[in-house]
Amino acid sequence: MRAYLDFEKPIADLEGKIQELRQSGGEAGVSVDEEIERLQGKVDDLLGDAYAKLTRWQKVQVARHAARPKLSDYISHLVDDFTPLAGDRAFGEDQAIIGGPARFRGRSVVVLGHEKGADTASRVAHNFGMASPEGYRKAIRLMELAERFDLPVMTIVDTPGAYPGRGAEERGQAEAIASCTEKALGLGSPIVASVVGEGGSGGAVAIAAANAVIMLEHAVYSVISPEGCASILWKDAHARGENKAPEAAEAMKISAQDLLSLGVIETVVPEPLGGAHRDPTLAIERLGDAIETAIAEFDGLDADAIRLRRREKFLRIGRAGLA
């Protein structure tokens, strides 16, 4: 059963009719192919129209769609010989961040990212992609491994933010995020980060301080969630700030298109009609092509050149912000 977003109600109604026709046509032995084709054409037109003019708040809803591809999907479709490594060698294992060495289109890489989970049990197990300090310390381990063996790092970013629980704070959440960000910024191996859903707060930046940042067309990337922003700026406590969240999303400029124009990211990858959740395989392949192109740009560069290019990228962002 497909889950529909609020703005997709007309599409849901039409697809419901298509499903009814398929069932009734099969039972009665009557051909309804022409009517189904006509309705499917209307569905495609509605999808194209709706997704061409999404508001930033609607993009947030799409980015959070439960059926959107997860890290595990990208790993299973894009890489071979993936060997997950566990633990931070200090406290324990965090299932919100998964990573390890793998083969990506003929080259050895280290891949890591946030795993949200695909159903209730896996979402709880992975803490909805909200990492604790040990997750970020594991990410540091993996980046150091990549640097030691001169391997590119692929990160998949999809988190509402780092876990804000008491235990995480007691174990040094802020320090772990800062150290992970510092490691990414100074790494001698190239890092290509892909924001595929939510890129929330420092929890996202910690593994997205990269040489190149790619975003799927309807992903979002921001310093705080729209609800969190609304609750701070407007003291909007209703439903965690959802009254003012759409206004906050517009003001924050959190879409891939906004961030491309601001120079924060390098590439926007077009999603299939109706979003990545409607055709995950195609979305994953398109992202893989973009990652392959981005990594290839650093072939032949030594560690100092890679660090310099990353430094220049972030200095450009800072200068643009002051302009």
Protein backbone atom coordinates (compact mmCIF):
# COMPACT_ATOMS: atom_id res chain seq x y z
CA MET A 1 0.00 0.00 0.00
CA ARG A 2 1.56 3.28 -1.14
CA ALA A 3 1.66 6.13 1.38
CA TYR A 4 0.53 9.48 0.02
CA LEU A 5 1.48 12.94 1.20
CA ASP A 6 -1.17 15.61 1.81
CA PHE A 7 -0.61 17.39 -1.50
CA GLU A 8 -0.88 14.07 -3.38
CA LYS A 9 -4.60 13.47 -2.64
CA PRO A 10 -5.78 13.96 -6.27
CA ILE A 11 -3.09 11.50 -7.37
CA ALA A 12 -4.16 9.02 -4.70
CA ASP A 13 -7.78 9.19 -5.90
CA LEU A 14 -6.80 8.49 -9.51
CA GLU A 15 -4.45 5.65 -8.63
CA GLY A 16 -7.21 4.18 -6.49
CA LYS A 17 -9.48 4.17 -9.54
CA ILE A 18 -6.75 2.53 -11.62
CA GLN A 19 -6.41 -0.22 -9.03
CA GLU A 20 -10.17 -0.78 -8.97
CA LEU A 21 -10.26 -1.03 -12.76
CA ARG A 22 -7.45 -3.58 -12.79
CA GLN A 23 -9.28 -5.71 -10.27
CA SER A 24 -12.70 -5.43 -11.88
CA GLY A 25 -11.35 -5.96 -15.39
CA GLY A 26 -9.56 -9.12 -14.36
CA GLU A 27 -12.63 -10.50 -12.61
CA ALA A 28 -15.09 -9.79 -15.43
CA GLY A 29 -12.71 -10.63 -18.25
CA VAL A 30 -13.31 -7.16 -19.72
CA SER A 31 -10.46 -5.14 -21.20
CA VAL A 32 -10.04 -1.83 -19.44
CA ASP A 33 -6.57 -1.12 -20.79
CA GLU A 34 -7.53 2.07 -22.62
CA GLU A 35 -9.18 3.61 -19.56
CA ILE A 36 -6.25 2.63 -17.36
CA GLU A 37 -3.83 4.16 -19.86
CA ARG A 38 -5.87 7.38 -19.93
CA LEU A 39 -5.97 7.62 -16.14
CA GLN A 40 -2.27 6.80 -15.87
CA GLY A 41 -1.54 9.68 -18.23
CA LYS A 42 -3.48 11.99 -15.93
CA VAL A 43 -1.57 10.65 -12.94
CA ASP A 44 1.75 11.37 -14.66
CA ASP A 45 0.60 14.89 -15.54
CA LEU A 46 -0.50 15.56 -11.96
CA LEU A 47 2.75 14.17 -10.56
CA GLY A 48 4.81 16.28 -12.94
CA ASP A 49 2.84 19.41 -12.11
CA ALA A 50 2.87 18.84 -8.33
CA TYR A 51 6.56 17.98 -8.06
CA ALA A 52 7.64 20.81 -10.36
CA LYS A 53 6.32 23.43 -7.93
CA LEU A 54 6.85 21.93 -4.49
CA THR A 55 7.15 24.40 -1.65
CA ARG A 56 10.13 23.99 0.64
CA TRP A 57 7.85 22.52 3.32
CA GLN A 58 6.50 19.99 0.84
CA LYS A 59 10.09 19.06 -0.01
CA VAL A 60 10.64 18.37 3.68
CA GLN A 61 7.68 15.99 3.58
CA VAL A 62 9.05 14.24 0.49
CA ALA A 63 12.52 14.00 2.06
CA ARG A 64 10.96 12.26 5.08
CA HIS A 65 8.81 9.85 3.07
CA ALA A 66 8.86 6.42 4.71
CA ALA A 67 9.42 4.63 1.38
CA ARG A 68 12.38 6.77 0.34
CA PRO A 69 15.55 4.67 -0.25
CA LYS A 70 17.68 4.19 2.87
CA LEU A 71 21.42 3.71 3.34
CA SER A 72 20.99 -0.07 3.21
CA ASP A 73 19.35 0.29 -0.23
CA TYR A 74 22.23 2.40 -1.56
CA ILE A 75 24.78 -0.06 -0.21
CA SER A 76 23.01 -3.10 -1.67
CA HIS A 77 22.58 -1.48 -5.11
CA LEU A 78 25.76 0.58 -5.52
CA VAL A 79 28.62 -1.33 -3.90
CA ASP A 80 29.97 -4.86 -3.75
CA ASP A 81 31.98 -6.68 -1.10
CA PHE A 82 30.76 -4.35 1.64
CA THR A 83 32.25 -5.28 5.03
CA PRO A 84 30.56 -3.41 7.89
CA LEU A 85 32.84 -2.45 10.76
CA ALA A 86 31.38 -2.02 14.24
CA GLY A 87 32.25 -0.07 17.36
CA ASP A 88 34.16 3.09 18.24
CA ARG A 89 36.85 1.32 20.32
CA ALA A 90 35.82 3.51 23.24
CA PHE A 91 32.26 2.77 24.35
CA GLY A 92 30.24 0.60 22.00
CA GLU A 93 28.40 0.15 18.74
CA ASP A 94 25.91 2.62 17.25
CA GLN A 95 23.58 1.27 14.58
CA ALA A 96 22.52 4.76 13.44
CA ILE A 97 25.77 5.02 11.46
CA ILE A 98 26.82 2.05 9.33
CA GLY A 99 30.04 1.87 7.36
CA GLY A 100 33.00 -0.09 6.10
CA PRO A 101 35.20 -0.83 3.06
CA ALA A 102 33.54 -1.80 -0.23
CA ARG A 103 33.98 -1.83 -4.01
CA PHE A 104 32.19 0.90 -5.96
CA ARG A 105 32.17 0.56 -9.75
CA GLY A 106 35.62 -0.95 -9.91
CA ARG A 107 37.36 1.07 -7.21
CA SER A 108 37.93 0.42 -3.51
CA VAL A 109 36.20 2.91 -1.22
CA VAL A 110 35.01 3.39 2.33
CA VAL A 111 31.27 3.98 2.54
CA LEU A 112 29.43 5.21 5.62
CA GLY A 113 26.19 6.95 6.43
CA HIS A 114 23.03 7.25 8.48
CA GLU A 115 20.61 4.33 8.47
CA LYS A 116 17.01 5.27 9.36
CA GLY A 117 15.49 1.81 8.98
CA ALA A 118 12.63 0.66 6.76
CA ASP A 119 10.05 -0.61 9.27
CA THR A 120 9.18 -0.12 12.92
CA ALA A 121 11.63 -2.69 14.27
CA SER A 122 14.57 -1.53 12.15
CA ARG A 123 13.83 2.15 12.81
CA VAL A 124 14.01 1.53 16.54
CA ALA A 125 17.17 -0.53 16.12
CA HIS A 126 18.83 2.25 14.13
CA ASN A 127 17.37 5.00 16.33
CA PHE A 128 15.73 6.62 13.27
CA GLY A 129 19.15 7.60 11.92
CA MET A 130 19.99 9.76 14.95
CA ALA A 131 23.56 8.89 15.92
CA SER A 132 25.11 8.93 19.37
CA PRO A 133 28.74 9.90 20.09
CA GLU A 134 29.98 6.39 19.41
CA GLY A 135 28.49 6.60 15.91
CA TYR A 136 30.54 9.68 15.09
CA ARG A 137 33.64 8.16 16.67
CA LYS A 138 33.10 5.10 14.50
CA ALA A 139 32.90 7.44 11.49
CA ILE A 140 36.27 8.90 12.53
CA ARG A 141 37.70 5.36 12.66
CA LEU A 142 36.44 4.69 9.15
CA MET A 143 37.80 7.96 7.76
CA GLU A 144 41.21 7.19 9.29
CA LEU A 145 41.08 3.75 7.67
CA ALA A 146 40.34 5.35 4.30
CA GLU A 147 43.23 7.77 4.69
CA ARG A 148 45.64 5.01 5.70
CA PHE A 149 44.90 3.04 2.54
CA ASP A 150 44.35 6.05 0.25
CA LEU A 151 40.68 5.27 -0.39
CA PRO A 152 37.91 7.74 -1.32
CA VAL A 153 35.12 8.13 1.23
CA MET A 154 31.46 7.99 0.19
CA THR A 155 29.01 9.26 2.80
CA ILE A 156 25.22 8.97 2.64
CA VAL A 157 23.51 11.63 4.74
CA ASP A 158 19.96 11.05 5.98
CA THR A 159 19.23 12.15 9.53
CA PRO A 160 16.94 14.57 11.37
CA GLY A 161 19.96 15.32 13.55
CA ALA A 162 22.24 13.75 16.13
CA TYR A 163 20.55 12.01 19.06
CA PRO A 164 19.82 14.62 21.79
CA GLY A 165 19.29 12.17 24.68
CA ARG A 166 20.84 12.49 28.10
CA GLY A 167 23.16 9.51 27.65
CA ALA A 168 24.52 10.92 24.39
CA GLU A 169 25.20 14.26 26.04
CA GLU A 170 26.89 12.57 28.99
CA ARG A 171 29.20 10.69 26.60
CA GLY A 172 30.27 13.87 24.79
CA GLN A 173 27.92 14.31 21.85
CA ALA A 174 29.08 17.84 20.98
CA GLU A 175 32.76 16.88 21.15
CA ALA A 176 32.19 13.78 19.02
CA ILE A 177 30.40 15.77 16.31
CA ALA A 178 33.08 18.48 16.36
CA SER A 179 35.89 15.91 16.17
CA CYS A 180 34.19 14.09 13.30
CA THR A 181 33.75 17.36 11.40
CA GLU A 182 37.39 18.25 12.05
CA LYS A 183 38.51 14.85 10.81
CA ALA A 184 36.47 15.21 7.62
CA LEU A 185 37.83 18.69 6.94
CA GLY A 186 41.44 17.60 7.33
CA LEU A 187 41.30 14.18 5.69
CA GLY A 188 43.90 13.37 3.05
CA SER A 189 41.42 11.22 1.09
CA PRO A 190 38.62 12.74 -0.99
CA ILE A 191 35.16 12.74 0.57
CA VAL A 192 32.00 12.83 -1.52
CA ALA A 193 28.84 13.33 0.55
CA SER A 194 25.33 12.66 -0.73
CA VAL A 195 22.30 14.11 1.04
CA VAL A 196 19.53 11.70 0.09
CA GLY A 197 16.76 12.65 2.53
CA GLU A 198 17.12 14.90 5.55
CA GLY A 199 20.43 16.57 6.24
CA GLY A 200 19.75 17.84 9.73
CA SER A 201 22.03 19.98 11.88
CA GLY A 202 25.55 19.08 13.00
CA GLY A 203 24.55 15.44 12.90
CA ALA A 204 24.60 15.74 9.11
CA VAL A 205 27.51 18.17 8.77
CA ALA A 206 29.80 15.80 10.72
CA ILE A 207 29.94 13.44 7.73
CA ALA A 208 29.15 16.02 5.03
CA ALA A 209 32.16 18.35 5.46
CA ALA A 210 33.27 17.00 2.12
CA ASN A 211 35.16 17.87 -1.06
CA ALA A 212 31.89 17.57 -2.95
CA VAL A 213 28.31 17.51 -1.71
CA ILE A 214 25.58 15.99 -3.87
CA MET A 215 21.85 16.27 -3.12
CA LEU A 216 18.89 14.44 -4.51
CA GLU A 217 16.38 16.84 -6.04
CA HIS A 218 13.88 16.71 -3.18
CA ALA A 219 16.31 16.27 -0.27
CA VAL A 220 16.76 19.03 2.33
CA TYR A 221 19.83 20.21 4.24
CA SER A 222 19.71 22.69 7.11
CA VAL A 223 21.18 23.75 10.42
CA ILE A 224 17.97 22.78 12.24
CA SER A 225 14.61 21.26 11.38
CA PRO A 226 11.84 23.69 10.35
CA GLU A 227 9.88 22.64 13.46
CA GLY A 228 12.87 23.34 15.69
CA CYS A 229 13.44 26.71 14.05
CA ALA A 230 9.76 27.62 14.49
CA SER A 231 9.76 26.64 18.15
CA ILE A 232 12.79 28.88 18.80
CA LEU A 233 11.93 31.93 16.70
CA TRP A 234 8.17 32.05 17.18
CA LYS A 235 7.89 30.17 20.50
CA ASP A 236 5.56 27.89 18.57
CA ALA A 237 4.97 24.91 20.85
CA HIS A 238 1.99 23.50 18.93
CA ALA A 239 2.85 20.08 17.50
CA ARG A 240 6.59 20.85 17.85
CA GLY A 241 6.36 24.05 15.89
CA GLU A 242 4.32 22.76 12.96
CA ASN A 243 2.13 25.90 12.78
CA LYS A 244 5.10 27.99 11.71
CA ALA A 245 7.25 25.20 10.25
CA PRO A 246 6.26 25.91 6.61
CA GLU A 247 7.20 29.57 7.08
CA ALA A 248 10.48 28.56 8.71
CA ALA A 249 11.29 26.18 5.84
CA GLU A 250 10.80 28.99 3.32
CA ALA A 251 13.00 31.40 5.28
CA MET A 252 15.77 28.85 5.84
CA LYS A 253 16.25 28.03 2.13
CA ILE A 254 16.78 24.33 2.79
CA SER A 255 16.13 22.85 -0.66
CA ALA A 256 18.78 21.41 -2.96
CA GLN A 257 18.08 24.18 -5.46
CA ASP A 258 18.63 26.87 -2.79
CA LEU A 259 21.88 25.33 -1.64
CA LEU A 260 23.19 24.93 -5.16
CA SER A 261 22.59 28.64 -5.81
CA LEU A 262 24.37 29.50 -2.55
CA GLY A 263 27.39 27.37 -3.44
CA VAL A 264 26.97 25.06 -0.46
CA ILE A 265 26.59 21.99 -2.68
CA GLU A 266 27.97 21.07 -6.09
CA THR A 267 25.36 18.86 -7.73
CA VAL A 268 21.60 18.26 -7.72
CA VAL A 269 20.54 14.81 -8.95
CA PRO A 270 17.09 14.71 -10.61
CA GLU A 271 14.68 12.28 -9.00
CA PRO A 272 12.22 10.02 -10.84
CA LEU A 273 8.75 11.42 -11.49
CA GLY A 274 6.99 11.65 -8.15
CA GLY A 275 10.12 11.38 -6.03
CA ALA A 276 12.75 8.76 -5.24
CA HIS A 277 10.22 6.65 -3.33
CA ARG A 278 8.30 5.90 -6.55
CA ASP A 279 11.30 4.43 -8.36
CA PRO A 280 14.10 3.76 -5.84
CA THR A 281 16.25 1.79 -8.28
CA LEU A 282 16.38 4.63 -10.81
CA ALA A 283 17.06 7.20 -8.08
CA ILE A 284 19.92 5.10 -6.70
CA GLU A 285 21.48 4.61 -10.14
CA ARG A 286 21.35 8.33 -10.88
CA LEU A 287 23.00 9.10 -7.57
CA GLY A 288 25.65 6.47 -8.26
CA ASP A 289 26.49 8.15 -11.57
CA ALA A 290 26.89 11.51 -9.81
CA ILE A 291 29.11 9.99 -7.11
CA GLU A 292 31.28 8.28 -9.71
CA THR A 293 31.79 11.57 -11.57
CA ALA A 294 32.60 13.44 -8.34
CA ILE A 295 35.16 10.90 -7.12
CA ALA A 296 36.89 10.79 -10.50
CA GLU A 297 37.70 14.51 -10.23
CA PHE A 298 40.22 13.70 -7.47
CA ASP A 299 42.06 10.93 -9.26
CA GLY A 300 45.78 11.59 -9.30
CA LEU A 301 45.71 14.26 -6.56
CA ASP A 302 47.88 13.81 -3.49
CA ALA A 303 46.66 14.32 0.08
CA ASP A 304 47.81 17.96 0.28
CA ALA A 305 46.01 18.86 -2.95
CA ILE A 306 42.82 17.17 -1.75
CA ARG A 307 42.95 19.07 1.55
CA LEU A 308 43.62 22.34 -0.28
CA ARG A 309 40.65 21.91 -2.60
CA ARG A 310 38.39 21.16 0.35
CA ARG A 311 39.70 24.21 2.22
CA GLU A 312 39.13 26.46 -0.80
CA LYS A 313 35.58 25.15 -1.17
CA PHE A 314 34.61 26.10 2.37
CA LEU A 315 36.38 29.45 2.15
CA ARG A 316 34.31 30.22 -0.97
CA ILE A 317 31.13 29.42 0.95
CA GLY A 318 32.23 31.74 3.76
CA ARG A 319 33.09 34.59 1.41
CA ALA A 320 29.75 34.20 -0.39
CA GLY A 321 27.96 34.43 2.95
CA LEU A 322 29.72 37.71 3.72
CA ALA A 323 29.04 39.21 0.30
